[in-house]
Amino acid sequence: MSKASLKELDEKTAHRQSVSLTEEQHRQLIEIARKNRVSVAWVIREAIDRLLKEDMPLLHVPGSSS
C-alpha cells in the first residue's frame, strides 16, 4: 500500500473528541475560521497538528528526561 493510500485510510478512520471551551475561546476560534474562510474544526485540527510537531512539550515536568 502506498503512503498516499495509508494517509487516505488514516483520514477515513478519524476519531471524534469532545472538548469544552470558554466563551472567549469559542469566539476566537469562530473569528479565526471566518477570517480564513475555513471551518472551526479545521482550525482546531491545524492547531493540534502544529502543537504535535513542536519540539518542546506542552507540559514540562522538572527532572524528567523527556
C-alpha atoms as a PDB file:
ATOM      1  CA  MET A   1       0.000   0.000   0.000  1.00  0.00           C
ATOM      2  CA  SER A   2       1.415   3.411  -0.955  1.00  0.00           C
ATOM      3  CA  LYS A   3       1.981   6.248   1.525  1.00  0.00           C
ATOM      4  CA  ALA A   4      -0.851   8.200  -0.129  1.00  0.00           C
ATOM      5  CA  SER A   5      -3.202   5.248   0.351  1.00  0.00           C
ATOM      6  CA  LEU A   6      -2.175   4.921   4.003  1.00  0.00           C
ATOM      7  CA  LYS A   7      -2.829   8.618   4.583  1.00  0.00           C
ATOM      8  CA  GLU A   8      -6.268   8.353   2.965  1.00  0.00           C
ATOM      9  CA  LEU A   9      -7.050   5.346   5.180  1.00  0.00           C
ATOM     10  CA  ASP A  10      -5.972   7.274   8.295  1.00  0.00           C
ATOM     11  CA  GLU A  11      -8.158  10.229   7.329  1.00  0.00           C
ATOM     12  CA  LYS A  12     -11.149   7.947   6.835  1.00  0.00           C
ATOM     13  CA  THR A  13     -10.713   6.421  10.293  1.00  0.00           C
ATOM     14  CA  ALA A  14     -10.809   9.770  12.077  1.00  0.00           C
ATOM     15  CA  HIS A  15     -11.678   9.877  15.745  1.00  0.00           C
ATOM     16  CA  ARG A  16     -14.090  12.277  17.386  1.00  0.00           C
ATOM     17  CA  GLN A  17     -13.163  14.175  20.525  1.00  0.00           C
ATOM     18  CA  SER A  18     -15.359  16.414  22.597  1.00  0.00           C
ATOM     19  CA  VAL A  19     -13.930  19.424  24.421  1.00  0.00           C
ATOM     20  CA  SER A  20     -15.405  22.234  26.471  1.00  0.00           C
ATOM     21  CA  LEU A  21     -14.333  25.758  25.568  1.00  0.00           C
ATOM     22  CA  THR A  22     -14.801  29.043  27.316  1.00  0.00           C
ATOM     23  CA  GLU A  23     -16.989  31.545  25.560  1.00  0.00           C
ATOM     24  CA  GLU A  24     -13.889  33.589  24.690  1.00  0.00           C
ATOM     25  CA  GLN A  25     -12.024  30.586  23.233  1.00  0.00           C
ATOM     26  CA  HIS A  26     -15.060  29.726  21.125  1.00  0.00           C
ATOM     27  CA  ARG A  27     -15.442  33.308  19.928  1.00  0.00           C
ATOM     28  CA  GLN A  28     -11.784  33.478  18.941  1.00  0.00           C
ATOM     29  CA  LEU A  29     -11.955  30.177  17.052  1.00  0.00           C
ATOM     30  CA  ILE A  30     -15.008  31.360  15.134  1.00  0.00           C
ATOM     31  CA  GLU A  31     -13.223  34.603  14.252  1.00  0.00           C
ATOM     32  CA  ILE A  32     -10.072  32.796  13.056  1.00  0.00           C
ATOM     33  CA  ALA A  33     -12.187  30.428  10.965  1.00  0.00           C
ATOM     34  CA  ARG A  34     -14.218  33.281   9.469  1.00  0.00           C
ATOM     35  CA  LYS A  35     -11.123  35.308   8.555  1.00  0.00           C
ATOM     36  CA  ASN A  36      -9.515  32.284   6.889  1.00  0.00           C
ATOM     37  CA  ARG A  37     -12.718  31.003   5.292  1.00  0.00           C
ATOM     38  CA  VAL A  38     -12.387  27.578   6.900  1.00  0.00           C
ATOM     39  CA  SER A  39     -14.351  25.627   9.471  1.00  0.00           C
ATOM     40  CA  VAL A  40     -13.766  25.817  13.206  1.00  0.00           C
ATOM     41  CA  ALA A  41     -12.975  22.087  13.053  1.00  0.00           C
ATOM     42  CA  TRP A  42     -10.198  22.808  10.546  1.00  0.00           C
ATOM     43  CA  VAL A  43      -8.732  25.495  12.825  1.00  0.00           C
ATOM     44  CA  ILE A  44      -8.723  23.069  15.764  1.00  0.00           C
ATOM     45  CA  ARG A  45      -7.113  20.262  13.716  1.00  0.00           C
ATOM     46  CA  GLU A  46      -4.471  22.682  12.414  1.00  0.00           C
ATOM     47  CA  ALA A  47      -3.692  23.886  15.942  1.00  0.00           C
ATOM     48  CA  ILE A  48      -3.342  20.283  17.132  1.00  0.00           C
ATOM     49  CA  ASP A  49      -1.065  19.415  14.199  1.00  0.00           C
ATOM     50  CA  ARG A  50       1.167  22.401  14.979  1.00  0.00           C
ATOM     51  CA  LEU A  51       1.313  21.505  18.682  1.00  0.00           C
ATOM     52  CA  LEU A  52       2.233  17.890  17.912  1.00  0.00           C
ATOM     53  CA  LYS A  53       5.026  18.972  15.544  1.00  0.00           C
ATOM     54  CA  GLU A  54       6.687  21.286  18.103  1.00  0.00           C
ATOM     55  CA  ASP A  55       9.936  20.079  19.634  1.00  0.00           C
ATOM     56  CA  MET A  56       9.062  21.483  23.053  1.00  0.00           C
ATOM     57  CA  PRO A  57       6.489  19.505  25.025  1.00  0.00           C
ATOM     58  CA  LEU A  58       3.351  21.312  26.124  1.00  0.00           C
ATOM     59  CA  LEU A  59       3.957  20.380  29.750  1.00  0.00           C
ATOM     60  CA  HIS A  60       7.422  20.086  31.246  1.00  0.00           C
ATOM     61  CA  VAL A  61       7.943  18.083  34.388  1.00  0.00           C
ATOM     62  CA  PRO A  62      11.143  19.209  36.161  1.00  0.00           C
ATOM     63  CA  GLY A  63      13.666  16.400  36.404  1.00  0.00           C
ATOM     64  CA  SER A  64      12.087  14.290  33.657  1.00  0.00           C
ATOM     65  CA  SER A  65      14.253  13.180  30.753  1.00  0.00           C
ATOM     66  CA  SER A  66      11.563  13.567  28.061  1.00  0.00           C
END
